[in-house]
Protein backbone atom coordinates (compact mmCIF):
# COMPACT_ATOMS: atom_id res chain seq x y z
CA UNK A 1 237.22 4.44 -122.85
CA UNK A 2 238.23 8.13 -122.76
CA UNK A 3 241.60 9.56 -123.81
CA UNK A 4 241.44 12.31 -121.09
CA UNK A 5 239.08 12.70 -118.28
CA UNK A 6 239.11 16.00 -116.35
CA UNK A 7 237.56 15.40 -112.96
CA UNK A 8 235.97 17.77 -110.60
CA UNK A 9 236.81 21.18 -112.10
CA UNK A 10 235.03 24.43 -111.92
CA UNK A 11 234.03 24.82 -115.53
CA UNK A 12 233.91 28.11 -117.30
CA UNK A 13 232.21 27.09 -120.67
CA UNK A 14 233.15 30.19 -122.62
CA UNK A 15 229.66 31.69 -122.69
CA UNK A 16 230.29 34.29 -119.84
CA UNK A 17 227.74 32.75 -117.55
CA UNK A 18 228.44 31.55 -114.03
CA UNK A 19 230.77 28.57 -113.80
CA UNK A 20 229.59 25.08 -112.63
CA UNK A 21 231.34 22.08 -111.19
CA UNK A 22 231.75 19.04 -113.30
CA UNK A 23 233.86 16.71 -115.50
CA UNK A 24 234.93 16.96 -119.03
CA UNK A 25 235.70 13.75 -121.03
CA UNK A 26 237.74 13.70 -124.23
CA UNK A 27 237.98 11.12 -126.94
CA UNK A 28 239.36 11.28 -130.35
CA UNK A 29 240.45 14.90 -130.00
CA UNK A 30 236.95 16.16 -129.06
CA UNK A 31 234.83 16.69 -126.02
CA UNK A 32 232.41 13.81 -125.75
CA UNK A 33 230.90 14.53 -122.29
CA UNK A 34 230.56 17.59 -119.91
CA UNK A 35 228.95 17.57 -116.38
CA UNK A 36 228.75 14.57 -114.29
CA UNK A 37 230.55 11.99 -116.45
CA UNK A 38 229.69 8.27 -115.86
CA UNK A 39 232.54 6.12 -114.59
CA UNK A 40 234.67 4.83 -117.42
CA UNK A 41 238.25 3.96 -118.02
CA UNK A 42 240.59 6.84 -119.23
CA UNK A 43 244.06 6.74 -120.57
CA UNK A 44 244.70 9.87 -118.38
CA UNK A 45 242.75 11.37 -115.61
CA UNK A 46 243.34 14.89 -114.39
CA UNK A 47 242.25 15.86 -110.95
CA UNK A 48 240.98 19.37 -111.39
CA UNK A 49 239.61 19.83 -107.85
CA UNK A 50 239.99 23.41 -106.91
CA UNK A 51 240.97 24.46 -110.38
CA UNK A 52 239.29 26.16 -113.36
CA UNK A 53 238.51 24.43 -116.56
CA UNK A 54 237.97 26.58 -119.63
CA UNK A 55 238.28 26.45 -123.49
CA UNK A 56 241.76 27.13 -124.85
CA UNK A 57 242.61 30.73 -125.42
CA UNK A 58 242.15 32.18 -128.99
CA UNK A 59 244.77 34.72 -129.78
CA UNK A 60 242.83 37.26 -131.92
CA UNK A 61 245.92 39.03 -133.29
CA UNK A 62 249.10 37.14 -133.94
CA UNK A 63 252.11 37.15 -136.15
CA UNK A 64 253.02 33.53 -135.62
CA UNK A 65 252.74 32.73 -139.36
CA UNK A 66 256.10 34.61 -139.66
CA UNK A 67 257.87 32.13 -137.23
CA UNK A 68 255.90 28.88 -137.37
CA UNK A 69 258.14 27.54 -140.32
CA UNK A 70 261.03 27.25 -137.82
CA UNK A 71 259.44 27.72 -134.43
CA UNK A 72 256.69 25.15 -135.17
CA UNK A 73 256.40 23.75 -131.60
CA UNK A 74 254.91 27.24 -130.71
CA UNK A 75 256.32 26.87 -127.17
CA UNK A 76 255.70 30.41 -126.10
CA UNK A 77 252.11 30.38 -127.20
CA UNK A 78 251.26 26.94 -125.69
CA UNK A 79 252.90 27.82 -122.26
CA UNK A 80 250.54 30.84 -121.93
CA UNK A 81 247.45 28.85 -122.81
CA UNK A 82 246.95 29.76 -126.53
CA UNK A 83 245.52 26.90 -128.45
CA UNK A 84 244.39 28.82 -131.54
CA UNK A 85 246.11 31.82 -133.29
CA UNK A 86 244.72 34.20 -135.78
CA UNK A 87 247.74 34.98 -137.94
CA UNK A 88 248.60 36.98 -140.96
CA UNK A 89 248.09 40.29 -139.28
CA UNK A 90 248.87 43.99 -140.05
CA UNK A 91 249.04 43.40 -143.87
CA UNK A 92 251.71 40.75 -143.45
CA UNK A 93 251.57 37.12 -144.36
CA UNK A 94 254.15 34.67 -145.74
CA UNK A 95 252.34 34.28 -149.04
CA UNK A 96 251.51 34.93 -151.75
CA UNK A 97 255.25 35.58 -152.56
CA UNK A 98 257.84 35.35 -155.24
CA UNK A 99 261.56 35.67 -155.10
CA UNK A 100 261.56 39.50 -155.16
CA UNK A 101 259.21 39.75 -152.13
CA UNK A 102 261.07 37.09 -150.27
CA UNK A 103 264.33 38.82 -150.77
CA UNK A 104 262.87 42.28 -150.12
CA UNK A 105 259.72 42.72 -148.17
CA UNK A 106 259.77 39.45 -146.21
CA UNK A 107 263.43 39.47 -145.31
CA UNK A 108 263.23 42.94 -144.07
CA UNK A 109 260.22 42.10 -141.91
CA UNK A 110 261.53 38.88 -140.41
CA UNK A 111 264.92 40.45 -139.88
CA UNK A 112 263.36 43.25 -137.98
CA UNK A 113 260.85 41.29 -135.87
CA UNK A 114 262.47 37.87 -135.43
CA UNK A 115 266.08 37.30 -136.71
CA UNK A 116 268.22 36.85 -139.77
CA UNK A 117 268.76 33.38 -138.41
CA UNK A 118 265.14 32.56 -138.72
CA UNK A 119 264.85 33.95 -142.22
CA UNK A 120 267.85 31.72 -143.37
CA UNK A 121 266.38 28.69 -141.75
CA UNK A 122 263.25 28.82 -143.83
CA UNK A 123 262.76 26.47 -146.75
CA UNK A 124 260.72 29.06 -148.83
CA UNK A 125 259.20 26.01 -150.64
CA UNK A 126 255.95 27.84 -151.14
CA UNK A 127 254.75 30.59 -153.46
CA UNK A 128 250.94 30.53 -153.16
CA UNK A 129 249.10 31.00 -149.91
CA UNK A 130 247.79 27.37 -150.16
CA UNK A 131 251.26 26.05 -150.60
CA UNK A 132 252.32 27.88 -147.45
CA UNK A 133 249.63 26.36 -145.44
CA UNK A 134 250.37 22.84 -146.91
CA UNK A 135 254.04 23.34 -145.80
CA UNK A 136 252.94 24.00 -142.20
CA UNK A 137 250.62 21.01 -142.27
CA UNK A 138 253.44 18.77 -143.63
CA UNK A 139 255.87 20.06 -140.86
CA UNK A 140 253.48 19.94 -138.07
CA UNK A 141 252.50 22.86 -135.78
CA UNK A 142 251.86 23.17 -131.99
CA UNK A 143 248.89 25.50 -132.18
CA UNK A 144 245.90 25.74 -134.48
CA UNK A 145 246.18 28.51 -136.95
CA UNK A 146 243.46 30.68 -138.41
CA UNK A 147 245.18 31.97 -141.65
CA UNK A 148 244.82 35.54 -142.91
CA UNK A 149 246.33 36.85 -146.06
CA UNK A 150 248.15 40.18 -145.90
CA UNK A 151 247.45 43.08 -148.23
CA UNK A 152 250.96 44.19 -148.30
CA UNK A 153 251.95 40.85 -149.72
CA UNK A 154 249.17 40.87 -152.32
CA UNK A 155 250.17 44.37 -153.44
CA UNK A 156 253.97 43.62 -153.47
CA UNK A 157 253.13 40.70 -155.72
CA UNK A 158 251.83 42.97 -158.48
CA UNK A 159 253.32 46.39 -157.76
CA UNK A 160 256.42 45.66 -155.78
CA UNK A 161 257.30 48.61 -153.62
CA UNK A 162 255.93 51.22 -155.98
CA UNK A 163 254.34 54.20 -154.21
CA UNK A 164 251.47 54.99 -156.61
CA UNK A 165 247.93 54.31 -157.24
CA UNK A 166 247.17 50.84 -158.79
CA UNK A 167 245.67 50.84 -162.26
CA UNK A 168 242.44 49.08 -162.98
CA UNK A 169 244.21 46.17 -164.31
CA UNK A 170 246.51 45.96 -161.34
CA UNK A 171 243.53 46.05 -158.95
CA UNK A 172 241.97 43.14 -160.89
CA UNK A 173 245.22 41.27 -160.70
CA UNK A 174 245.39 41.62 -156.96
CA UNK A 175 241.69 40.68 -156.70
CA UNK A 176 242.52 37.48 -158.68
CA UNK A 177 245.39 36.64 -156.33
CA UNK A 178 243.09 37.28 -153.27
CA UNK A 179 240.42 34.99 -154.69
CA UNK A 180 242.98 32.25 -155.14
CA UNK A 181 244.16 32.71 -151.59
CA UNK A 182 240.61 32.54 -150.20
CA UNK A 183 239.90 29.48 -152.17
CA UNK A 184 243.05 27.91 -150.81
CA UNK A 185 241.98 28.47 -147.26
CA UNK A 186 242.50 32.03 -146.17
CA UNK A 187 239.84 33.31 -143.75
CA UNK A 188 240.20 36.94 -144.49
CA UNK A 189 242.31 39.95 -145.49
CA UNK A 190 244.55 42.05 -143.08
CA UNK A 191 245.98 45.50 -143.71
CA UNK A 192 248.71 47.59 -142.02
CA UNK A 193 247.54 50.98 -143.11
CA UNK A 194 250.72 52.70 -141.95
CA UNK A 195 253.16 50.00 -143.27
CA UNK A 196 254.91 49.92 -146.59
CA UNK A 197 254.06 48.78 -149.33
CA UNK A 198 250.40 48.19 -148.33
CA UNK A 199 249.90 51.74 -147.23
CA UNK A 200 250.59 52.96 -150.74
CA UNK A 201 247.09 51.70 -151.60
CA UNK A 202 244.18 54.07 -151.02
CA UNK A 203 240.95 53.40 -149.28
CA UNK A 204 239.11 52.58 -152.39
CA UNK A 205 241.71 50.08 -153.41
CA UNK A 206 241.28 48.23 -149.98
CA UNK A 207 237.41 48.38 -150.37
CA UNK A 208 237.79 46.53 -153.76
CA UNK A 209 239.83 43.74 -152.24
CA UNK A 210 237.57 43.64 -149.19
CA UNK A 211 234.61 43.10 -151.44
CA UNK A 212 236.34 39.85 -152.73
CA UNK A 213 236.74 38.72 -149.16
CA UNK A 214 233.03 39.46 -148.47
CA UNK A 215 232.09 37.18 -151.39
CA UNK A 216 233.90 34.31 -149.71
CA UNK A 217 232.35 35.05 -146.28
CA UNK A 218 235.63 36.30 -144.84
CA UNK A 219 236.75 38.93 -142.28
CA UNK A 220 238.78 42.13 -142.66
CA UNK A 221 241.41 42.84 -139.97
CA UNK A 222 243.30 46.19 -139.77
CA UNK A 223 246.18 47.88 -138.08
CA UNK A 224 244.55 51.22 -138.67
CA UNK A 225 246.35 54.11 -140.42
CA UNK A 226 247.08 56.11 -137.22
CA UNK A 227 246.95 55.33 -133.51
CA UNK A 228 247.80 58.83 -132.41
CA UNK A 229 246.90 62.27 -133.66
CA UNK A 230 244.64 61.08 -136.62
CA UNK A 231 243.17 58.03 -134.84
CA UNK A 232 239.46 59.15 -135.26
CA UNK A 233 239.83 59.29 -139.02
CA UNK A 234 241.67 55.95 -139.13
CA UNK A 235 238.90 54.24 -137.17
CA UNK A 236 236.47 55.82 -139.51
CA UNK A 237 238.22 54.45 -142.47
CA UNK A 238 237.93 50.97 -140.94
CA UNK A 239 234.22 51.40 -140.47
CA UNK A 240 233.86 52.69 -143.93
CA UNK A 241 235.54 49.61 -145.43
CA UNK A 242 233.33 47.29 -143.48
CA UNK A 243 230.30 49.25 -144.47
CA UNK A 244 231.05 49.49 -148.11
CA UNK A 245 232.50 46.03 -148.63
CA UNK A 246 229.89 44.35 -146.41
CA UNK A 247 232.03 42.28 -144.21
CA UNK A 248 233.04 42.01 -140.49
CA UNK A 249 235.93 44.17 -139.29
CA UNK A 250 238.48 43.67 -136.49
CA UNK A 251 240.50 46.69 -135.40
CA UNK A 252 243.90 45.33 -134.37
CA UNK A 253 245.65 45.95 -131.02
CA UNK A 254 243.54 49.12 -130.33
CA UNK A 255 245.27 51.83 -128.31
CA UNK A 256 246.16 55.58 -128.40
CA UNK A 257 249.91 56.20 -128.33
CA UNK A 258 251.46 59.33 -126.85
CA UNK A 259 250.42 61.49 -124.00
CA UNK A 260 248.63 64.01 -126.25
CA UNK A 261 246.26 61.16 -127.41
CA UNK A 262 245.53 59.51 -124.08
CA UNK A 263 241.75 59.13 -123.53
CA UNK A 264 240.87 58.99 -127.21
CA UNK A 265 239.91 55.23 -127.00
CA UNK A 266 236.81 56.38 -125.18
CA UNK A 267 235.68 58.08 -128.44
CA UNK A 268 236.87 55.40 -130.71
CA UNK A 269 234.97 52.64 -128.83
CA UNK A 270 231.91 54.72 -129.05
CA UNK A 271 232.38 55.12 -132.76
CA UNK A 272 232.59 51.30 -133.03
CA UNK A 273 229.35 51.04 -131.03
CA UNK A 274 227.57 53.61 -133.20
CA UNK A 275 228.76 51.62 -136.33
CA UNK A 276 227.49 48.30 -134.88
CA UNK A 277 224.09 49.85 -134.23
CA UNK A 278 224.06 50.78 -137.97
CA UNK A 279 224.81 47.21 -139.05
CA UNK A 280 228.60 47.14 -139.31
CA UNK A 281 230.02 44.09 -137.49
CA UNK A 282 233.14 45.70 -136.01
CA UNK A 283 235.14 44.55 -132.92
CA UNK A 284 238.61 45.35 -131.63
CA UNK A 285 241.34 43.47 -129.85
CA UNK A 286 244.06 44.67 -127.35
CA UNK A 287 247.13 43.35 -125.69
CA UNK A 288 247.31 44.04 -121.86
CA UNK A 289 250.41 46.25 -121.56
CA UNK A 290 250.75 49.96 -121.42
CA UNK A 291 253.80 50.03 -123.96
CA UNK A 292 253.89 49.01 -127.42
CA UNK A 293 256.38 47.03 -129.62
CA UNK A 294 259.79 47.04 -127.98
CA UNK A 295 262.70 47.92 -130.14
CA UNK A 296 266.20 48.94 -129.86
CA UNK A 297 266.38 52.65 -129.52
CA UNK A 298 268.51 53.12 -132.51
CA UNK A 299 266.03 51.44 -134.63
CA UNK A 300 263.29 54.00 -133.88
CA UNK A 301 265.36 56.89 -135.08
CA UNK A 302 263.23 58.90 -137.59
CA UNK A 303 263.63 58.49 -141.34
CA UNK A 304 265.98 55.84 -142.56
CA UNK A 305 268.55 56.38 -139.83
CA UNK A 306 267.44 53.24 -137.99
CA UNK A 307 267.96 51.14 -141.07
CA UNK A 308 271.73 51.52 -140.93
CA UNK A 309 273.85 48.84 -139.20
CA UNK A 310 274.31 48.96 -135.45
CA UNK A 311 278.13 49.40 -135.62
CA UNK A 312 277.93 52.08 -138.34
CA UNK A 313 275.55 54.04 -136.38
CA UNK A 314 277.54 53.83 -133.12
CA UNK A 315 280.50 55.37 -134.91
CA UNK A 316 278.25 58.27 -136.06
CA UNK A 317 276.63 59.04 -132.72
CA UNK A 318 279.19 61.82 -131.60
CA UNK A 319 279.06 63.42 -135.21
CA UNK A 320 277.41 66.84 -134.91
CA UNK A 321 276.50 66.86 -138.63
CA UNK A 322 274.75 63.50 -138.16
CA UNK A 323 272.74 64.68 -135.26
CA UNK A 324 271.65 67.75 -137.25
CA UNK A 325 270.34 65.41 -139.89
CA UNK A 326 268.21 63.61 -137.43
CA UNK A 327 266.96 66.99 -136.03
CA UNK A 328 266.03 68.05 -139.52
CA UNK A 329 264.13 64.86 -140.08
CA UNK A 330 262.17 65.37 -136.85
CA UNK A 331 261.29 68.94 -137.87
CA UNK A 332 259.80 67.61 -141.14
CA UNK A 333 257.67 65.25 -139.31
CA UNK A 334 256.06 67.85 -137.02
CA UNK A 335 252.62 66.67 -135.89
CA UNK A 336 253.34 62.89 -136.30
CA UNK A 337 254.18 60.25 -133.80
CA UNK A 338 257.79 60.13 -134.89
CA UNK A 339 258.17 63.80 -135.15
CA UNK A 340 256.89 66.36 -132.54
CA UNK A 341 255.93 63.51 -130.13
CA UNK A 342 259.11 61.62 -130.46
CA UNK A 343 260.45 62.88 -127.11
CA UNK A 344 257.38 62.27 -125.02
CA UNK A 345 255.96 59.22 -126.74
CA UNK A 346 258.87 56.85 -126.28
CA UNK A 347 259.80 55.10 -123.03
CA UNK A 348 263.18 53.48 -122.32
CA UNK A 349 262.21 49.93 -121.10
CA UNK A 350 265.59 48.33 -120.71
CA UNK A 351 269.11 49.97 -120.22
CA UNK A 352 271.47 47.67 -118.39
CA UNK A 353 274.13 50.31 -118.14
CA UNK A 354 271.83 53.04 -116.89
CA UNK A 355 268.99 51.47 -114.79
CA UNK A 356 268.16 54.84 -113.46
CA UNK A 357 266.91 55.79 -116.94
CA UNK A 358 264.42 52.91 -117.34
CA UNK A 359 260.73 53.79 -117.54
CA UNK A 360 261.51 57.39 -118.30
CA UNK A 361 260.47 59.03 -121.59
CA UNK A 362 263.22 60.44 -123.83
CA UNK A 363 261.95 63.92 -122.87
CA UNK A 364 262.44 63.11 -119.11
CA UNK A 365 265.96 61.85 -119.91
CA UNK A 366 266.82 64.92 -121.84
CA UNK A 367 265.39 67.28 -119.36
CA UNK A 368 265.89 70.91 -120.49
CA UNK A 369 268.50 69.85 -122.95
CA UNK A 370 268.06 68.67 -126.64
CA UNK A 371 266.45 65.32 -127.08
CA UNK A 372 268.45 64.18 -130.08
CA UNK A 373 271.69 65.01 -128.28
CA UNK A 374 270.52 63.21 -125.18
CA UNK A 375 269.54 60.04 -127.29
CA UNK A 376 272.70 60.11 -129.19
CA UNK A 377 274.91 60.58 -126.04
CA UNK A 378 272.89 57.66 -124.37
CA UNK A 379 273.37 55.34 -127.35
CA UNK A 380 277.12 56.13 -127.57
CA UNK A 381 277.62 55.68 -123.73
CA UNK A 382 275.76 52.30 -123.74
CA UNK A 383 277.14 51.01 -127.00
CA UNK A 384 273.56 51.01 -128.36
CA UNK A 385 272.25 48.68 -125.65
CA UNK A 386 268.93 50.57 -125.02
CA UNK A 387 265.45 49.32 -125.70
CA UNK A 388 262.43 51.49 -126.12
CA UNK A 389 258.73 51.31 -126.74
CA UNK A 390 255.80 53.51 -127.57
CA UNK A 391 254.14 54.88 -124.52
CA UNK A 392 250.36 54.21 -123.69
CA UNK A 393 248.06 54.85 -120.83
CA UNK A 394 247.17 52.21 -118.40
CA UNK A 395 243.67 53.63 -117.79
CA UNK A 396 243.23 53.52 -121.67
CA UNK A 397 244.43 49.79 -121.70
CA UNK A 398 241.90 49.03 -119.00
CA UNK A 399 239.11 50.95 -120.80
CA UNK A 400 239.66 48.93 -124.04
CA UNK A 401 240.05 45.52 -122.19
CA UNK A 402 236.77 46.06 -120.22
CA UNK A 403 234.57 46.83 -123.24
CA UNK A 404 232.30 43.86 -124.04
CA UNK A 405 233.22 43.80 -127.73
CA UNK A 406 236.92 43.55 -127.19
CA UNK A 407 239.01 40.42 -127.56
CA UNK A 408 242.55 39.80 -126.51
CA UNK A 409 245.50 39.48 -128.92
CA UNK A 410 249.28 39.09 -128.30
CA UNK A 411 250.51 41.06 -131.34
CA UNK A 412 253.41 38.61 -130.96
CA UNK A 413 254.79 35.49 -132.68
CA UNK A 414 255.52 31.88 -131.60
CA UNK A 415 258.93 31.24 -130.29
CA UNK A 416 260.63 27.87 -129.40
CA UNK A 417 264.06 29.15 -128.22
CA UNK A 418 265.70 32.18 -126.60
CA UNK A 419 266.21 34.84 -129.16
CA UNK A 420 269.28 36.20 -127.63
CA UNK A 421 270.44 39.77 -126.92
CA UNK A 422 270.20 40.88 -130.44
CA UNK A 423 266.43 40.54 -130.77
CA UNK A 424 264.09 42.68 -128.81
CA UNK A 425 260.88 40.87 -127.81
CA UNK A 426 257.89 41.98 -125.86
CA UNK A 427 256.73 40.16 -122.69
CA UNK A 428 253.43 39.68 -124.45
CA UNK A 429 255.11 36.73 -126.28
CA UNK A 430 254.86 34.71 -123.08
CA UNK A 431 252.63 36.55 -120.68
CA UNK A 432 249.48 38.04 -122.44
CA UNK A 433 246.76 35.47 -121.49
CA UNK A 434 247.94 34.68 -117.92
CA UNK A 435 248.09 38.43 -117.44
CA UNK A 436 244.42 39.12 -118.37
CA UNK A 437 243.29 35.86 -116.58
CA UNK A 438 245.28 36.64 -113.43
CA UNK A 439 246.31 40.22 -113.00
CA UNK A 440 243.36 41.96 -114.65
CA UNK A 441 240.69 39.68 -113.30
CA UNK A 442 242.11 38.92 -109.86
CA UNK A 443 244.28 41.77 -108.94
CA UNK A 444 242.58 44.67 -110.67
CA UNK A 445 238.90 43.33 -110.70
CA UNK A 446 238.44 44.66 -114.12
CA UNK A 447 235.84 42.03 -115.16
CA UNK A 448 234.75 38.75 -113.82
CA UNK A 449 236.69 35.54 -114.61
CA UNK A 450 233.74 34.15 -116.61
CA UNK A 451 233.58 37.40 -118.63
CA UNK A 452 237.30 37.34 -119.38
CA UNK A 453 237.04 33.79 -120.43
CA UNK A 454 234.27 34.80 -122.96
CA UNK A 455 236.52 37.47 -124.31
CA UNK A 456 239.30 34.96 -125.05
CA UNK A 457 237.26 32.00 -126.22
CA UNK A 458 233.72 32.18 -127.58
CA UNK A 459 233.90 35.86 -128.67
CA UNK A 460 236.87 35.46 -131.00
CA UNK A 461 235.54 31.95 -132.18
CA UNK A 462 232.35 33.55 -133.20
CA UNK A 463 233.97 36.53 -134.88
CA UNK A 464 236.36 34.27 -136.92
CA UNK A 465 233.83 31.64 -137.74
CA UNK A 466 235.28 28.87 -135.69
CA UNK A 467 231.98 27.00 -135.14
CA UNK A 468 233.48 24.02 -133.18
CA UNK A 469 235.98 25.72 -130.88
CA UNK A 470 235.87 28.30 -128.08
CA UNK A 471 233.44 26.49 -125.81
CA UNK A 472 233.39 23.55 -123.42
CA UNK A 473 230.54 21.68 -125.11
CA UNK A 474 230.07 18.09 -126.34
CA UNK A 475 231.16 17.70 -129.98
CA UNK A 476 233.61 20.60 -129.77
CA UNK A 477 237.39 20.22 -130.23
CA UNK A 478 239.13 19.59 -126.94
CA UNK A 479 241.18 22.68 -126.78
CA UNK A 480 241.13 23.03 -122.95
CA UNK A 481 243.11 24.88 -120.17
CA UNK A 482 243.15 23.76 -116.46
CA UNK A 483 244.49 26.44 -114.15
CA UNK A 484 244.45 27.86 -110.66
CA UNK A 485 242.63 31.21 -110.66
CA UNK A 486 244.24 32.19 -107.43
CA UNK A 487 247.85 31.93 -108.66
CA UNK A 488 247.85 32.18 -112.58
CA UNK A 489 249.89 35.25 -113.58
CA UNK A 490 252.43 36.36 -116.18
CA UNK A 491 256.09 36.46 -115.09
CA UNK A 492 257.60 37.97 -118.36
CA UNK A 493 258.93 41.54 -118.12
CA UNK A 494 260.68 43.94 -120.51
CA UNK A 495 263.96 42.77 -118.98
CA UNK A 496 263.19 39.12 -118.98
CA UNK A 497 260.44 38.70 -121.71
CA UNK A 498 260.82 34.89 -122.02
CA UNK A 499 259.88 34.06 -118.47
CA UNK A 500 257.05 31.59 -118.53
CA UNK A 501 253.87 32.16 -116.58
CA UNK A 502 252.82 30.28 -113.41
CA UNK A 503 249.47 28.81 -112.36
CA UNK A 504 248.64 27.10 -115.68
CA UNK A 505 248.54 23.38 -114.94
CA UNK A 506 247.27 21.70 -118.18
CA UNK A 507 246.93 22.57 -121.83
CA UNK A 508 245.15 20.37 -124.32
CA UNK A 509 245.28 20.96 -128.05
CA UNK A 510 242.90 18.93 -130.02
CA UNK A 511 242.63 16.38 -127.05
CA UNK A 512 246.28 16.05 -126.63
CA UNK A 513 247.98 17.10 -123.48
CA UNK A 514 250.81 19.63 -124.31
CA UNK A 515 251.27 21.16 -120.91
CA UNK A 516 251.18 18.69 -117.87
CA UNK A 517 251.51 19.94 -114.32
CA UNK A 518 252.86 23.11 -115.65
CA UNK A 519 255.66 21.34 -117.82
CA UNK A 520 255.65 21.77 -121.49
CA UNK A 521 255.39 18.59 -123.53
CA UNK A 522 256.32 19.16 -127.19
CA UNK A 523 253.69 17.99 -129.73
CA UNK A 524 252.37 18.81 -133.15
CA UNK A 525 248.78 18.52 -132.66
CA UNK A 526 247.66 21.84 -133.98
CA UNK A 527 245.76 22.24 -137.21
CA UNK A 528 245.58 24.75 -140.02
CA UNK A 529 242.04 25.82 -139.78
CA UNK A 530 241.43 26.65 -143.50
CA UNK A 531 238.37 28.28 -144.66
CA UNK A 532 236.04 25.74 -146.09
CA UNK A 533 234.97 26.53 -149.67
């Protein structure tokens, strides 16, 4: 008796080899037979004739740990075929924490990325990393979670937001917290090398923490220090940390932002290849879009201007002295992404009152005029309803996706509801994996389908130590997708980011069907995949 029998599909087993026709039988949450399955009763039989069958997608770079306490169905992830998420990225995790970091660092982060409503809805019953994981297990989650602990939270626990080197005693205190987190199930350490307060720690401090992770057989993931003018040095720092600490490295959402930096990924990928040849286990992940995090334009103003309230800023937009302050801040930041490149590096991706300006850079909008004046005029005219994003190069995106050592990540977080007009989300929340399996395989011809399946299944499973996931094999957990290669595609856009994809017929998480004939079926069959001591 099988729980689920998938009959007659074209099986892409995750290894990158040519697919084969066959059946997949599931019982007790695991795959028990692959190939020609002998006749037997099944509680549910899926006719996969003409469809592809593959392991569930593993999101190599997620922030779903920030939302799973209140968006625990993980609908946006499930509907695009994600069955496992690596979360706790960019130096951010939900623990370890204490009241000061909850009220400060975490509130600011969740308010900015998700919503104040989500922050208030959380129980905050946890303080340690293990307690956070236990809270998720108690509540139930829709996807499997690979938990990573964030260096910003570890540092904030000991030093708060102090911008200074840590003393020897403080480093030892951080190492003790990290050891505890690893013992409680964390699979690695993440950094956001350009984000406060984690960025206040120097390279040597991070190496000392990474050595603790290496002792536990964990991984180091990093949002590198710079993705623009200083990108080569930033990648070199990631390589150095991996080499000196002796642990695997994952470079997060790899890209080069701004026109002056287009093409740099060719060299950074080469740097990683050279490091691998010297014994450093380094990979990268990427999201398949040529624009970065979407934010309201007023939030990306340089300095602390974007931290002010929306209505307060709106009133200041016509003020000449306020504009002069912004210009002075830009002048101080010459040579940085937010400084000299501000005008050419940001795209307007949504502007309902001025559709003619969408997909233009701030420089193109300003023309021969002053950029700050043009931005302030636009914000005042539209009552602040303008969304913008960092600009990347589509050829660069394709270069990174194509590389055999690259995995796919959303850089998103799980959502169970419409976030409304006051929250800017990226289409990657709903569209990332159908986009690579459909658009980049079928429409662009970037890589074969079997190779793309490898990139989103067995490659990240191996990198993150998931020994019983990422393959269609007997004895492996039954995280499975059934889809139509001819029609699967993302529908989410910057204007309509929550549009679900099409062409994905079935999703199984640990043997339970959670998408059936394209329709989402809420379930909480995901597991927290703690590191085993």
